[in-house]
């Protein structure tokens, strides 16, 4: 039996269903904003793309993991 997905990636199926874009789409957008802080990117996704806070936060956390110290 497969291990259940944990952490930010556990939000991915509902993000794709709700917003109609693959996760790769959102990650590509986030990659253009890596000069911003985590919460600045979250707020940008919420304001410019209409994502909810939890979905935006999960996408940013997963995309930036290991990239910022």
PDB file of N, CA and C in Angstrom:
ATOM      1  N   UNK A   1       0.846  -1.182   0.000  1.00  0.00           N
ATOM      2  CA  UNK A   1       0.000   0.000   0.000  1.00  0.00           C
ATOM      3  C   UNK A   1       0.891   1.246   0.000  1.00  0.00           C
ATOM      4  N   UNK A   2       0.542   2.216  -0.791  1.00  0.00           N
ATOM      5  CA  UNK A   2       1.344   3.427  -0.932  1.00  0.00           C
ATOM      6  C   UNK A   2       1.241   4.293   0.317  1.00  0.00           C
ATOM      7  N   UNK A   3       2.360   4.908   0.649  1.00  0.00           N
ATOM      8  CA  UNK A   3       2.415   5.852   1.770  1.00  0.00           C
ATOM      9  C   UNK A   3       1.598   7.090   1.418  1.00  0.00           C
ATOM     10  N   UNK A   4       0.752   7.568   2.329  1.00  0.00           N
ATOM     11  CA  UNK A   4      -0.011   8.780   2.017  1.00  0.00           C
ATOM     12  C   UNK A   4       0.915   9.986   1.866  1.00  0.00           C
ATOM     13  N   UNK A   5       0.548  10.890   0.976  1.00  0.00           N
ATOM     14  CA  UNK A   5       1.341  12.089   0.749  1.00  0.00           C
ATOM     15  C   UNK A   5       1.174  13.006   1.953  1.00  0.00           C
ATOM     16  N   UNK A   6       2.298  13.547   2.414  1.00  0.00           N
ATOM     17  CA  UNK A   6       2.275  14.440   3.580  1.00  0.00           C
ATOM     18  C   UNK A   6       2.870  15.779   3.202  1.00  0.00           C
ATOM     19  N   UNK A   7       2.697  16.754   4.070  1.00  0.00           N
ATOM     20  CA  UNK A   7       3.286  18.065   3.871  1.00  0.00           C
ATOM     21  C   UNK A   7       2.566  18.850   2.788  1.00  0.00           C
ATOM     22  N   UNK A   8       3.263  19.875   2.252  1.00  0.00           N
ATOM     23  CA  UNK A   8       2.637  20.749   1.257  1.00  0.00           C
ATOM     24  C   UNK A   8       2.067  20.008   0.051  1.00  0.00           C
ATOM     25  N   UNK A   9       2.721  18.938  -0.377  1.00  0.00           N
ATOM     26  CA  UNK A   9       2.269  18.212  -1.566  1.00  0.00           C
ATOM     27  C   UNK A   9       0.892  17.579  -1.365  1.00  0.00           C
ATOM     28  N   UNK A  10       0.464  17.420  -0.124  1.00  0.00           N
ATOM     29  CA  UNK A  10      -0.860  16.840   0.116  1.00  0.00           C
ATOM     30  C   UNK A  10      -1.976  17.759  -0.395  1.00  0.00           C
ATOM     31  N   UNK A  11      -1.665  19.034  -0.591  1.00  0.00           N
ATOM     32  CA  UNK A  11      -2.634  19.985  -1.121  1.00  0.00           C
ATOM     33  C   UNK A  11      -2.737  19.954  -2.650  1.00  0.00           C
ATOM     34  N   UNK A  12      -1.768  19.362  -3.318  1.00  0.00           N
ATOM     35  CA  UNK A  12      -1.672  19.475  -4.774  1.00  0.00           C
ATOM     36  C   UNK A  12      -2.904  18.996  -5.540  1.00  0.00           C
ATOM     37  N   UNK A  13      -3.494  17.854  -5.209  1.00  0.00           N
ATOM     38  CA  UNK A  13      -4.691  17.433  -5.968  1.00  0.00           C
ATOM     39  C   UNK A  13      -5.832  18.450  -5.880  1.00  0.00           C
ATOM     40  N   UNK A  14      -6.056  19.007  -4.698  1.00  0.00           N
ATOM     41  CA  UNK A  14      -7.150  19.972  -4.569  1.00  0.00           C
ATOM     42  C   UNK A  14      -6.808  21.297  -5.245  1.00  0.00           C
ATOM     43  N   UNK A  15      -5.536  21.669  -5.270  1.00  0.00           N
ATOM     44  CA  UNK A  15      -5.125  22.898  -5.970  1.00  0.00           C
ATOM     45  C   UNK A  15      -5.400  22.750  -7.464  1.00  0.00           C
ATOM     46  N   UNK A  16      -4.992  21.625  -8.028  1.00  0.00           N
ATOM     47  CA  UNK A  16      -5.212  21.403  -9.461  1.00  0.00           C
ATOM     48  C   UNK A  16      -6.702  21.376  -9.788  1.00  0.00           C
ATOM     49  N   UNK A  17      -7.493  20.742  -8.944  1.00  0.00           N
ATOM     50  CA  UNK A  17      -8.929  20.655  -9.187  1.00  0.00           C
ATOM     51  C   UNK A  17      -9.596  22.029  -9.075  1.00  0.00           C
ATOM     52  N   UNK A  18      -9.249  22.782  -8.047  1.00  0.00           N
ATOM     53  CA  UNK A  18      -9.917  24.063  -7.799  1.00  0.00           C
ATOM     54  C   UNK A  18      -9.532  25.139  -8.803  1.00  0.00           C
ATOM     55  N   UNK A  19      -8.246  25.202  -9.175  1.00  0.00           N
ATOM     56  CA  UNK A  19      -7.778  26.308 -10.012  1.00  0.00           C
ATOM     57  C   UNK A  19      -7.536  25.925 -11.474  1.00  0.00           C
ATOM     58  N   UNK A  20      -7.666  24.640 -11.800  1.00  0.00           N
ATOM     59  CA  UNK A  20      -7.629  24.208 -13.185  1.00  0.00           C
ATOM     60  C   UNK A  20      -6.276  24.273 -13.868  1.00  0.00           C
ATOM     61  N   UNK A  21      -5.218  24.351 -13.090  1.00  0.00           N
ATOM     62  CA  UNK A  21      -3.863  24.386 -13.650  1.00  0.00           C
ATOM     63  C   UNK A  21      -3.025  23.311 -12.971  1.00  0.00           C
ATOM     64  N   UNK A  22      -2.084  22.721 -13.707  1.00  0.00           N
ATOM     65  CA  UNK A  22      -1.197  21.740 -13.073  1.00  0.00           C
ATOM     66  C   UNK A  22      -0.243  22.428 -12.089  1.00  0.00           C
ATOM     67  N   UNK A  23       0.273  21.673 -11.169  1.00  0.00           N
ATOM     68  CA  UNK A  23       1.213  22.207 -10.182  1.00  0.00           C
ATOM     69  C   UNK A  23       2.428  22.819 -10.875  1.00  0.00           C
ATOM     70  N   UNK A  24       2.840  22.254 -11.979  1.00  0.00           N
ATOM     71  CA  UNK A  24       3.999  22.802 -12.704  1.00  0.00           C
ATOM     72  C   UNK A  24       3.759  24.252 -13.134  1.00  0.00           C
ATOM     73  N   UNK A  25       2.516  24.596 -13.453  1.00  0.00           N
ATOM     74  CA  UNK A  25       2.168  25.975 -13.812  1.00  0.00           C
ATOM     75  C   UNK A  25       2.451  26.919 -12.646  1.00  0.00           C
ATOM     76  N   UNK A  26       1.967  26.548 -11.464  1.00  0.00           N
ATOM     77  CA  UNK A  26       2.137  27.402 -10.284  1.00  0.00           C
ATOM     78  C   UNK A  26       3.599  27.487  -9.876  1.00  0.00           C
ATOM     79  N   UNK A  27       4.308  26.370  -9.954  1.00  0.00           N
ATOM     80  CA  UNK A  27       5.732  26.381  -9.595  1.00  0.00           C
ATOM     81  C   UNK A  27       6.529  27.264 -10.553  1.00  0.00           C
ATOM     82  N   UNK A  28       6.188  27.244 -11.821  1.00  0.00           N
ATOM     83  CA  UNK A  28       6.885  28.093 -12.801  1.00  0.00           C
ATOM     84  C   UNK A  28       6.654  29.569 -12.476  1.00  0.00           C
ATOM     85  N   UNK A  29       5.438  29.930 -12.080  1.00  0.00           N
ATOM     86  CA  UNK A  29       5.158  31.310 -11.687  1.00  0.00           C
ATOM     87  C   UNK A  29       5.962  31.693 -10.446  1.00  0.00           C
ATOM     88  N   UNK A  30       5.986  30.814  -9.476  1.00  0.00           N
ATOM     89  CA  UNK A  30       6.718  31.091  -8.237  1.00  0.00           C
ATOM     90  C   UNK A  30       8.206  31.260  -8.514  1.00  0.00           C
ATOM     91  N   UNK A  31       8.740  30.467  -9.429  1.00  0.00           N
ATOM     92  CA  UNK A  31      10.170  30.556  -9.770  1.00  0.00           C
ATOM     93  C   UNK A  31      10.538  31.937 -10.313  1.00  0.00           C
ATOM     94  N   UNK A  32       9.579  32.676 -10.840  1.00  0.00           N
ATOM     95  CA  UNK A  32       9.871  34.029 -11.350  1.00  0.00           C
ATOM     96  C   UNK A  32       9.904  35.056 -10.224  1.00  0.00           C
ATOM     97  N   UNK A  33       9.549  34.647  -9.018  1.00  0.00           N
ATOM     98  CA  UNK A  33       9.450  35.571  -7.890  1.00  0.00           C
ATOM     99  C   UNK A  33      10.398  35.223  -6.746  1.00  0.00           C
ATOM    100  N   UNK A  34      11.443  34.457  -7.005  1.00  0.00           N
ATOM    101  CA  UNK A  34      12.309  33.990  -5.928  1.00  0.00           C
ATOM    102  C   UNK A  34      13.124  35.108  -5.280  1.00  0.00           C
ATOM    103  N   UNK A  35      13.076  36.308  -5.845  1.00  0.00           N
ATOM    104  CA  UNK A  35      13.725  37.446  -5.195  1.00  0.00           C
ATOM    105  C   UNK A  35      12.892  37.963  -4.030  1.00  0.00           C
ATOM    106  N   UNK A  36      11.630  37.519  -3.931  1.00  0.00           N
ATOM    107  CA  UNK A  36      10.736  37.930  -2.854  1.00  0.00           C
ATOM    108  C   UNK A  36      10.806  36.944  -1.697  1.00  0.00           C
ATOM    109  N   UNK A  37      10.357  37.386  -0.529  1.00  0.00           N
ATOM    110  CA  UNK A  37      10.266  36.516   0.641  1.00  0.00           C
ATOM    111  C   UNK A  37       9.056  35.596   0.499  1.00  0.00           C
ATOM    112  N   UNK A  38       9.085  34.524   1.262  1.00  0.00           N
ATOM    113  CA  UNK A  38       8.032  33.500   1.223  1.00  0.00           C
ATOM    114  C   UNK A  38       6.635  34.129   1.282  1.00  0.00           C
ATOM    115  N   UNK A  39       6.376  34.924   2.315  1.00  0.00           N
ATOM    116  CA  UNK A  39       5.028  35.475   2.482  1.00  0.00           C
ATOM    117  C   UNK A  39       4.691  36.513   1.425  1.00  0.00           C
ATOM    118  N   UNK A  40       5.680  37.154   0.857  1.00  0.00           N
ATOM    119  CA  UNK A  40       5.420  38.085  -0.244  1.00  0.00           C
ATOM    120  C   UNK A  40       4.917  37.322  -1.467  1.00  0.00           C
ATOM    121  N   UNK A  41       5.492  36.156  -1.709  1.00  0.00           N
ATOM    122  CA  UNK A  41       5.040  35.332  -2.834  1.00  0.00           C
ATOM    123  C   UNK A  41       3.634  34.794  -2.556  1.00  0.00           C
ATOM    124  N   UNK A  42       3.400  34.364  -1.323  1.00  0.00           N
ATOM    125  CA  UNK A  42       2.062  33.886  -0.941  1.00  0.00           C
ATOM    126  C   UNK A  42       1.033  34.983  -1.196  1.00  0.00           C
ATOM    127  N   UNK A  43       1.327  36.179  -0.733  1.00  0.00           N
ATOM    128  CA  UNK A  43       0.389  37.291  -0.909  1.00  0.00           C
ATOM    129  C   UNK A  43       0.194  37.632  -2.386  1.00  0.00           C
ATOM    130  N   UNK A  44       1.242  37.528  -3.179  1.00  0.00           N
ATOM    131  CA  UNK A  44       1.148  37.766  -4.620  1.00  0.00           C
ATOM    132  C   UNK A  44       0.209  36.739  -5.270  1.00  0.00           C
ATOM    133  N   UNK A  45       0.368  35.476  -4.920  1.00  0.00           N
ATOM    134  CA  UNK A  45      -0.504  34.437  -5.473  1.00  0.00           C
ATOM    135  C   UNK A  45      -1.959  34.680  -5.086  1.00  0.00           C
ATOM    136  N   UNK A  46      -2.179  35.102  -3.862  1.00  0.00           N
ATOM    137  CA  UNK A  46      -3.537  35.379  -3.396  1.00  0.00           C
ATOM    138  C   UNK A  46      -4.140  36.571  -4.134  1.00  0.00           C
ATOM    139  N   UNK A  47      -3.371  37.636  -4.252  1.00  0.00           N
ATOM    140  CA  UNK A  47      -3.870  38.874  -4.851  1.00  0.00           C
ATOM    141  C   UNK A  47      -4.012  38.776  -6.362  1.00  0.00           C
ATOM    142  N   UNK A  48      -2.970  38.309  -7.021  1.00  0.00           N
ATOM    143  CA  UNK A  48      -2.942  38.301  -8.486  1.00  0.00           C
ATOM    144  C   UNK A  48      -3.606  37.090  -9.123  1.00  0.00           C
ATOM    145  N   UNK A  49      -3.673  35.979  -8.387  1.00  0.00           N
ATOM    146  CA  UNK A  49      -4.171  34.745  -8.994  1.00  0.00           C
ATOM    147  C   UNK A  49      -5.357  34.131  -8.250  1.00  0.00           C
ATOM    148  N   UNK A  50      -5.783  34.756  -7.149  1.00  0.00           N
ATOM    149  CA  UNK A  50      -6.977  34.319  -6.446  1.00  0.00           C
ATOM    150  C   UNK A  50      -6.852  33.033  -5.654  1.00  0.00           C
ATOM    151  N   UNK A  51      -5.627  32.612  -5.333  1.00  0.00           N
ATOM    152  CA  UNK A  51      -5.464  31.397  -4.550  1.00  0.00           C
ATOM    153  C   UNK A  51      -5.796  31.671  -3.093  1.00  0.00           C
ATOM    154  N   UNK A  52      -6.274  30.641  -2.411  1.00  0.00           N
ATOM    155  CA  UNK A  52      -6.483  30.733  -0.976  1.00  0.00           C
ATOM    156  C   UNK A  52      -5.146  30.689  -0.259  1.00  0.00           C
ATOM    157  N   UNK A  53      -5.139  31.125   0.985  1.00  0.00           N
ATOM    158  CA  UNK A  53      -3.894  31.205   1.737  1.00  0.00           C
ATOM    159  C   UNK A  53      -3.203  29.848   1.878  1.00  0.00           C
ATOM    160  N   UNK A  54      -3.940  28.841   2.273  1.00  0.00           N
ATOM    161  CA  UNK A  54      -3.338  27.516   2.475  1.00  0.00           C
ATOM    162  C   UNK A  54      -2.749  26.939   1.199  1.00  0.00           C
ATOM    163  N   UNK A  55      -3.456  27.094   0.096  1.00  0.00           N
ATOM    164  CA  UNK A  55      -2.959  26.591  -1.185  1.00  0.00           C
ATOM    165  C   UNK A  55      -1.716  27.355  -1.623  1.00  0.00           C
ATOM    166  N   UNK A  56      -1.760  28.678  -1.511  1.00  0.00           N
ATOM    167  CA  UNK A  56      -0.607  29.488  -1.903  1.00  0.00           C
ATOM    168  C   UNK A  56       0.601  29.153  -1.029  1.00  0.00           C
ATOM    169  N   UNK A  57       0.388  29.035   0.262  1.00  0.00           N
ATOM    170  CA  UNK A  57       1.478  28.732   1.185  1.00  0.00           C
ATOM    171  C   UNK A  57       2.098  27.370   0.889  1.00  0.00           C
ATOM    172  N   UNK A  58       1.265  26.376   0.604  1.00  0.00           N
ATOM    173  CA  UNK A  58       1.768  25.035   0.293  1.00  0.00           C
ATOM    174  C   UNK A  58       2.615  25.047  -0.981  1.00  0.00           C
ATOM    175  N   UNK A  59       2.147  25.750  -1.994  1.00  0.00           N
ATOM    176  CA  UNK A  59       2.897  25.832  -3.248  1.00  0.00           C
ATOM    177  C   UNK A  59       4.248  26.513  -3.051  1.00  0.00           C
ATOM    178  N   UNK A  60       4.249  27.618  -2.325  1.00  0.00           N
ATOM    179  CA  UNK A  60       5.497  28.354  -2.103  1.00  0.00           C
ATOM    180  C   UNK A  60       6.451  27.513  -1.259  1.00  0.00           C
ATOM    181  N   UNK A  61       5.960  26.919  -0.195  1.00  0.00           N
ATOM    182  CA  UNK A  61       6.819  26.105   0.671  1.00  0.00           C
ATOM    183  C   UNK A  61       7.459  24.963  -0.107  1.00  0.00           C
ATOM    184  N   UNK A  62       6.686  24.273  -0.913  1.00  0.00           N
ATOM    185  CA  UNK A  62       7.222  23.139  -1.666  1.00  0.00           C
ATOM    186  C   UNK A  62       8.199  23.594  -2.746  1.00  0.00           C
ATOM    187  N   UNK A  63       7.889  24.702  -3.398  1.00  0.00           N
ATOM    188  CA  UNK A  63       8.747  25.196  -4.492  1.00  0.00           C
ATOM    189  C   UNK A  63      10.068  25.717  -3.958  1.00  0.00           C
ATOM    190  N   UNK A  64      10.041  26.390  -2.815  1.00  0.00           N
ATOM    191  CA  UNK A  64      11.261  27.021  -2.292  1.00  0.00           C
ATOM    192  C   UNK A  64      12.064  26.132  -1.360  1.00  0.00           C
ATOM    193  N   UNK A  65      11.555  24.939  -1.013  1.00  0.00           N
ATOM    194  CA  UNK A  65      12.280  24.099  -0.060  1.00  0.00           C
ATOM    195  C   UNK A  65      13.712  23.852  -0.537  1.00  0.00           C
ATOM    196  N   UNK A  66      14.643  24.084   0.345  1.00  0.00           N
ATOM    197  CA  UNK A  66      16.050  23.887   0.027  1.00  0.00           C
ATOM    198  C   UNK A  66      16.686  24.992  -0.785  1.00  0.00           C
ATOM    199  N   UNK A  67      15.925  26.026  -1.163  1.00  0.00           N
ATOM    200  CA  UNK A  67      16.475  27.093  -1.994  1.00  0.00           C
ATOM    201  C   UNK A  67      16.853  28.330  -1.202  1.00  0.00           C
ATOM    202  N   UNK A  68      16.208  28.506  -0.047  1.00  0.00           N
ATOM    203  CA  UNK A  68      16.492  29.692   0.775  1.00  0.00           C
ATOM    204  C   UNK A  68      16.897  29.229   2.166  1.00  0.00           C
ATOM    205  N   UNK A  69      17.812  29.968   2.737  1.00  0.00           N
ATOM    206  CA  UNK A  69      18.267  29.564   4.040  1.00  0.00           C
ATOM    207  C   UNK A  69      17.845  30.493   5.072  1.00  0.00           C
TER     208      UNK A  69
END
